[in-house]
N, C-alpha and C. Protein backbone atom coordinates (compact mmCIF):
# COMPACT_ATOMS: atom_id res chain seq x y z
N ALA A 1 -11.22 0.73 -3.39
CA ALA A 1 -10.46 1.96 -3.33
C ALA A 1 -9.21 1.80 -2.47
N ALA A 2 -9.33 1.13 -1.32
CA ALA A 2 -8.18 0.95 -0.43
C ALA A 2 -7.12 0.08 -1.11
N ALA A 3 -7.55 -0.97 -1.77
CA ALA A 3 -6.59 -1.85 -2.45
C ALA A 3 -5.84 -1.09 -3.54
N ARG A 4 -6.53 -0.21 -4.24
CA ARG A 4 -5.87 0.61 -5.28
C ARG A 4 -4.80 1.51 -4.67
N ARG A 5 -5.09 2.07 -3.50
CA ARG A 5 -4.10 2.93 -2.83
C ARG A 5 -2.88 2.12 -2.41
N LEU A 6 -3.08 0.92 -1.91
CA LEU A 6 -1.95 0.06 -1.51
C LEU A 6 -1.11 -0.32 -2.72
N ARG A 7 -1.77 -0.67 -3.80
CA ARG A 7 -1.05 -1.03 -5.02
C ARG A 7 -0.27 0.17 -5.57
N ALA A 8 -0.89 1.33 -5.54
CA ALA A 8 -0.22 2.55 -6.03
C ALA A 8 0.99 2.88 -5.17
N ALA A 9 0.89 2.67 -3.85
CA ALA A 9 2.03 2.94 -2.96
C ALA A 9 3.21 2.04 -3.33
N CYS A 10 2.93 0.78 -3.65
CA CYS A 10 4.00 -0.15 -4.05
C CYS A 10 4.60 0.26 -5.39
N ALA A 11 3.76 0.59 -6.34
CA ALA A 11 4.25 1.01 -7.66
C ALA A 11 5.08 2.29 -7.54
N ASP A 12 4.64 3.23 -6.73
CA ASP A 12 5.37 4.48 -6.54
C ASP A 12 6.72 4.24 -5.86
N SER A 13 6.73 3.34 -4.89
CA SER A 13 7.98 3.02 -4.19
C SER A 13 9.02 2.47 -5.15
N VAL A 14 8.60 1.57 -6.01
CA VAL A 14 9.51 0.96 -6.96
C VAL A 14 9.98 1.97 -8.01
N SER A 15 9.08 2.81 -8.47
CA SER A 15 9.47 3.78 -9.50
C SER A 15 10.43 4.83 -8.95
N ALA A 16 10.43 5.04 -7.64
CA ALA A 16 11.32 6.03 -7.02
C ALA A 16 12.68 5.43 -6.63
N ASP A 17 12.87 4.14 -6.85
CA ASP A 17 14.12 3.49 -6.45
C ASP A 17 15.31 4.09 -7.19
N PRO A 18 16.40 4.41 -6.48
CA PRO A 18 17.57 4.99 -7.15
C PRO A 18 18.30 4.01 -8.07
N ASP A 19 18.02 2.71 -7.93
CA ASP A 19 18.62 1.70 -8.81
C ASP A 19 17.50 0.87 -9.43
N PRO A 20 16.76 1.45 -10.39
CA PRO A 20 15.56 0.79 -10.91
C PRO A 20 15.83 -0.55 -11.60
N ASP A 21 16.96 -0.68 -12.26
CA ASP A 21 17.23 -1.94 -12.95
C ASP A 21 17.38 -3.10 -11.97
N THR A 22 18.11 -2.87 -10.90
CA THR A 22 18.29 -3.92 -9.88
C THR A 22 16.96 -4.21 -9.20
N ARG A 23 16.21 -3.17 -8.88
CA ARG A 23 14.92 -3.36 -8.21
C ARG A 23 13.98 -4.19 -9.07
N ALA A 24 13.93 -3.89 -10.35
CA ALA A 24 13.07 -4.67 -11.26
C ALA A 24 13.52 -6.12 -11.31
N LEU A 25 14.82 -6.35 -11.38
CA LEU A 25 15.35 -7.71 -11.40
C LEU A 25 14.97 -8.47 -10.14
N LEU A 26 15.11 -7.83 -8.98
CA LEU A 26 14.77 -8.48 -7.71
C LEU A 26 13.29 -8.80 -7.61
N LEU A 27 12.46 -8.01 -8.27
CA LEU A 27 11.02 -8.25 -8.25
C LEU A 27 10.55 -9.18 -9.36
N GLY A 28 11.48 -9.60 -10.22
CA GLY A 28 11.13 -10.53 -11.29
C GLY A 28 10.47 -9.89 -12.49
N HIS A 29 10.78 -8.62 -12.74
CA HIS A 29 10.19 -7.92 -13.87
C HIS A 29 11.29 -7.30 -14.72
N ASP A 30 10.97 -7.02 -15.96
CA ASP A 30 11.96 -6.43 -16.87
C ASP A 30 12.28 -4.98 -16.54
N SER A 31 11.34 -4.27 -15.96
CA SER A 31 11.56 -2.86 -15.61
C SER A 31 10.63 -2.49 -14.46
N VAL A 32 10.93 -1.36 -13.82
CA VAL A 32 10.04 -0.91 -12.75
C VAL A 32 8.68 -0.49 -13.33
N ALA A 33 8.67 -0.03 -14.57
CA ALA A 33 7.38 0.30 -15.22
C ALA A 33 6.53 -0.95 -15.39
N ASP A 34 7.16 -2.07 -15.78
CA ASP A 34 6.43 -3.34 -15.91
C ASP A 34 5.86 -3.77 -14.56
N TYR A 35 6.69 -3.65 -13.52
CA TYR A 35 6.21 -4.01 -12.18
C TYR A 35 5.03 -3.11 -11.79
N GLY A 36 5.17 -1.81 -12.02
CA GLY A 36 4.11 -0.88 -11.67
C GLY A 36 2.79 -1.22 -12.36
N ALA A 37 2.87 -1.58 -13.61
CA ALA A 37 1.66 -1.98 -14.34
C ALA A 37 1.11 -3.29 -13.79
N TRP A 38 2.01 -4.22 -13.47
CA TRP A 38 1.60 -5.54 -12.97
C TRP A 38 0.90 -5.43 -11.61
N ILE A 39 1.50 -4.69 -10.67
CA ILE A 39 0.94 -4.64 -9.31
C ILE A 39 -0.39 -3.91 -9.29
N ARG A 40 -0.66 -3.06 -10.27
CA ARG A 40 -1.93 -2.32 -10.30
C ARG A 40 -3.10 -3.17 -10.81
N VAL A 41 -2.82 -4.35 -11.35
CA VAL A 41 -3.88 -5.25 -11.83
C VAL A 41 -4.50 -5.95 -10.62
N GLU A 42 -5.81 -5.83 -10.49
CA GLU A 42 -6.51 -6.33 -9.30
C GLU A 42 -6.41 -7.83 -9.09
N THR A 43 -6.12 -8.59 -10.12
CA THR A 43 -6.03 -10.04 -9.97
C THR A 43 -4.62 -10.50 -9.59
N HIS A 44 -3.67 -9.59 -9.54
CA HIS A 44 -2.31 -9.94 -9.12
C HIS A 44 -2.15 -9.65 -7.64
N TRP A 45 -1.45 -10.55 -6.96
CA TRP A 45 -1.26 -10.40 -5.53
C TRP A 45 0.21 -10.20 -5.24
N GLY A 46 0.49 -9.35 -4.28
CA GLY A 46 1.86 -9.12 -3.84
C GLY A 46 2.28 -10.16 -2.82
N GLY A 47 3.43 -9.93 -2.24
CA GLY A 47 3.97 -10.83 -1.24
C GLY A 47 4.90 -10.08 -0.31
N GLU A 48 5.99 -10.72 0.06
CA GLU A 48 6.92 -10.15 1.01
C GLU A 48 7.49 -8.79 0.58
N PRO A 49 7.89 -8.61 -0.69
CA PRO A 49 8.40 -7.29 -1.06
C PRO A 49 7.36 -6.18 -0.86
N GLU A 50 6.11 -6.47 -1.14
CA GLU A 50 5.06 -5.46 -1.00
C GLU A 50 4.79 -5.18 0.49
N ILE A 51 4.86 -6.19 1.33
CA ILE A 51 4.68 -5.99 2.78
C ILE A 51 5.74 -5.01 3.28
N LEU A 52 6.99 -5.22 2.87
CA LEU A 52 8.07 -4.33 3.30
C LEU A 52 7.86 -2.91 2.75
N MET A 53 7.47 -2.80 1.48
CA MET A 53 7.23 -1.47 0.90
C MET A 53 6.12 -0.74 1.66
N LEU A 54 5.06 -1.46 2.02
CA LEU A 54 3.95 -0.82 2.72
C LEU A 54 4.34 -0.43 4.14
N ALA A 55 5.16 -1.24 4.80
CA ALA A 55 5.64 -0.87 6.14
C ALA A 55 6.41 0.44 6.07
N GLN A 56 7.25 0.56 5.06
CA GLN A 56 8.04 1.79 4.91
C GLN A 56 7.15 2.96 4.50
N HIS A 57 6.21 2.73 3.60
CA HIS A 57 5.33 3.80 3.13
C HIS A 57 4.49 4.39 4.27
N TYR A 58 3.93 3.50 5.10
CA TYR A 58 3.05 3.95 6.18
C TYR A 58 3.79 4.15 7.51
N ASN A 59 5.10 3.96 7.50
CA ASN A 59 5.94 4.16 8.68
C ASN A 59 5.44 3.33 9.87
N VAL A 60 5.21 2.05 9.61
CA VAL A 60 4.74 1.13 10.64
C VAL A 60 5.60 -0.13 10.67
N GLN A 61 5.37 -0.89 11.70
CA GLN A 61 5.94 -2.22 11.81
C GLN A 61 4.81 -3.19 11.47
N ILE A 62 5.00 -4.05 10.48
CA ILE A 62 3.98 -5.04 10.13
C ILE A 62 4.45 -6.39 10.66
N VAL A 63 3.62 -6.98 11.51
CA VAL A 63 3.90 -8.31 12.04
C VAL A 63 3.03 -9.28 11.27
N LEU A 64 3.67 -10.19 10.55
CA LEU A 64 2.98 -11.14 9.70
C LEU A 64 2.98 -12.50 10.38
N ALA A 65 1.81 -12.99 10.75
CA ALA A 65 1.65 -14.31 11.35
C ALA A 65 1.30 -15.29 10.23
N SER A 66 2.14 -16.30 10.04
CA SER A 66 1.95 -17.25 8.95
C SER A 66 1.36 -18.56 9.45
N CYS A 67 0.24 -18.96 8.84
CA CYS A 67 -0.36 -20.25 9.16
C CYS A 67 0.47 -21.40 8.59
N GLU A 68 1.24 -21.12 7.55
CA GLU A 68 2.07 -22.15 6.92
C GLU A 68 3.27 -22.51 7.78
N THR A 69 3.97 -21.50 8.27
CA THR A 69 5.21 -21.76 9.02
C THR A 69 5.01 -21.73 10.52
N LEU A 70 3.85 -21.26 10.96
CA LEU A 70 3.55 -21.10 12.39
C LEU A 70 4.56 -20.16 13.06
N ARG A 71 4.98 -19.15 12.31
CA ARG A 71 5.93 -18.16 12.80
C ARG A 71 5.43 -16.76 12.50
N CYS A 72 6.00 -15.81 13.21
CA CYS A 72 5.73 -14.40 12.94
C CYS A 72 7.00 -13.77 12.38
N SER A 73 6.83 -12.96 11.35
CA SER A 73 7.92 -12.20 10.77
C SER A 73 7.57 -10.73 10.90
N THR A 74 8.59 -9.91 11.15
CA THR A 74 8.36 -8.48 11.33
C THR A 74 9.04 -7.71 10.22
N TYR A 75 8.29 -6.82 9.61
CA TYR A 75 8.77 -5.94 8.55
C TYR A 75 8.57 -4.53 9.06
N SER A 76 9.62 -3.72 9.04
CA SER A 76 9.53 -2.46 9.73
C SER A 76 10.12 -1.30 8.95
N ALA A 77 9.52 -0.15 9.15
CA ALA A 77 10.10 1.10 8.68
C ALA A 77 11.28 1.42 9.60
N ASP A 78 12.06 2.42 9.24
CA ASP A 78 13.23 2.78 10.05
C ASP A 78 12.85 3.20 11.47
N ALA A 79 11.81 3.96 11.61
CA ALA A 79 11.35 4.43 12.92
C ALA A 79 9.83 4.32 12.97
N PRO A 80 9.31 3.10 13.10
CA PRO A 80 7.85 2.92 13.02
C PRO A 80 7.12 3.63 14.16
N THR A 81 5.91 4.06 13.84
CA THR A 81 5.08 4.76 14.82
C THR A 81 3.98 3.88 15.41
N ALA A 82 3.75 2.71 14.80
CA ALA A 82 2.69 1.81 15.27
C ALA A 82 2.95 0.42 14.71
N SER A 83 2.20 -0.54 15.23
CA SER A 83 2.28 -1.92 14.72
C SER A 83 0.96 -2.28 14.04
N VAL A 84 1.08 -3.05 12.98
CA VAL A 84 -0.07 -3.59 12.25
C VAL A 84 0.14 -5.09 12.18
N PHE A 85 -0.90 -5.86 12.44
CA PHE A 85 -0.79 -7.32 12.44
C PHE A 85 -1.58 -7.89 11.28
N VAL A 86 -0.95 -8.83 10.56
CA VAL A 86 -1.55 -9.43 9.37
C VAL A 86 -1.40 -10.94 9.47
N LEU A 87 -2.44 -11.67 9.10
CA LEU A 87 -2.42 -13.12 9.06
C LEU A 87 -2.24 -13.56 7.62
N TYR A 88 -1.29 -14.46 7.38
CA TYR A 88 -1.10 -15.03 6.05
C TYR A 88 -1.51 -16.49 6.11
N THR A 89 -2.53 -16.85 5.34
CA THR A 89 -3.07 -18.20 5.39
C THR A 89 -2.36 -19.17 4.45
N GLY A 90 -1.46 -18.67 3.64
CA GLY A 90 -0.82 -19.48 2.61
C GLY A 90 -1.34 -19.12 1.24
N GLN A 91 -2.50 -18.47 1.20
CA GLN A 91 -3.09 -18.04 -0.05
C GLN A 91 -3.56 -16.59 -0.01
N HIS A 92 -3.75 -16.06 1.19
CA HIS A 92 -4.36 -14.74 1.30
C HIS A 92 -3.85 -14.04 2.55
N TYR A 93 -3.84 -12.70 2.52
CA TYR A 93 -3.48 -11.88 3.67
C TYR A 93 -4.75 -11.28 4.25
N ASP A 94 -4.89 -11.36 5.57
CA ASP A 94 -6.05 -10.78 6.26
C ASP A 94 -5.56 -9.94 7.43
N PRO A 95 -6.20 -8.79 7.67
CA PRO A 95 -5.80 -7.98 8.83
C PRO A 95 -6.24 -8.65 10.12
N LEU A 96 -5.40 -8.55 11.13
CA LEU A 96 -5.78 -8.97 12.49
C LEU A 96 -6.06 -7.69 13.24
N VAL A 97 -7.23 -7.60 13.83
CA VAL A 97 -7.62 -6.37 14.50
C VAL A 97 -7.83 -6.63 15.98
N GLY A 98 -7.60 -5.61 16.79
CA GLY A 98 -7.77 -5.71 18.23
C GLY A 98 -9.15 -5.27 18.65
N GLN A 99 -9.60 -5.84 19.73
CA GLN A 99 -10.90 -5.48 20.30
C GLN A 99 -10.72 -4.23 21.15
N PRO A 100 -11.52 -3.20 20.95
CA PRO A 100 -11.41 -2.01 21.79
C PRO A 100 -11.74 -2.34 23.24
N ALA A 101 -11.26 -1.51 24.14
CA ALA A 101 -11.54 -1.70 25.56
C ALA A 101 -13.04 -1.62 25.82
N ALA A 102 -13.51 -2.34 26.83
CA ALA A 102 -14.94 -2.35 27.15
C ALA A 102 -15.46 -0.94 27.43
N SER A 103 -14.59 -0.08 27.93
CA SER A 103 -15.01 1.29 28.24
C SER A 103 -15.20 2.14 26.99
N ASP A 104 -14.73 1.64 25.83
CA ASP A 104 -14.86 2.37 24.56
C ASP A 104 -16.04 1.83 23.76
N ALA A 105 -17.22 1.81 24.37
CA ALA A 105 -18.40 1.27 23.71
C ALA A 105 -18.62 1.95 22.36
N GLY A 106 -18.82 1.16 21.33
CA GLY A 106 -19.07 1.67 20.00
C GLY A 106 -17.81 2.01 19.22
N ALA A 107 -16.65 1.80 19.81
CA ALA A 107 -15.39 2.12 19.12
C ALA A 107 -15.14 1.09 18.01
N SER A 108 -14.45 1.54 16.99
CA SER A 108 -14.08 0.66 15.88
C SER A 108 -12.96 -0.29 16.30
N PRO A 109 -12.85 -1.45 15.66
CA PRO A 109 -11.74 -2.36 15.96
C PRO A 109 -10.40 -1.65 15.73
N LEU A 110 -9.41 -2.01 16.52
CA LEU A 110 -8.09 -1.40 16.42
C LEU A 110 -7.30 -2.04 15.30
N ARG A 111 -6.83 -1.21 14.37
CA ARG A 111 -6.03 -1.71 13.26
C ARG A 111 -4.56 -1.37 13.42
N ARG A 112 -4.28 -0.25 14.07
CA ARG A 112 -2.91 0.18 14.37
C ARG A 112 -2.76 0.18 15.88
N LEU A 113 -1.75 -0.52 16.36
CA LEU A 113 -1.54 -0.57 17.79
C LEU A 113 -0.26 0.17 18.13
N PRO A 114 -0.25 0.90 19.26
CA PRO A 114 0.96 1.62 19.64
C PRO A 114 2.12 0.66 19.88
N LEU A 115 3.33 1.14 19.69
CA LEU A 115 4.51 0.29 19.88
C LEU A 115 4.85 0.08 21.35
N ASP A 116 4.45 0.95 22.22
CA ASP A 116 4.83 0.81 23.62
C ASP A 116 3.97 -0.12 24.39
């Protein structure tokens, strides 16, 4: 269900683009409708364009740590409210989560970290 929501956010972002022909070309598709259909297929994986779209959609800063390049890249909304960390292994994206403070016994792992 979560993956479907992420895919839908990307498809919606592209379909709302004021210059759909250019956007489709940049994404390697004939039209934004083709891209929307493509990204909704569970066996297709996104990449850098989708990371940027999701940062903007969720109004966050996504820090991508790459095992391939041994570098971190930051993708950000205009005024992000939190940071999200993602590990890219070269084949797959995995969330990096923070350990809650010892005083927060039973708390869930931190997925969004404050910017300050």
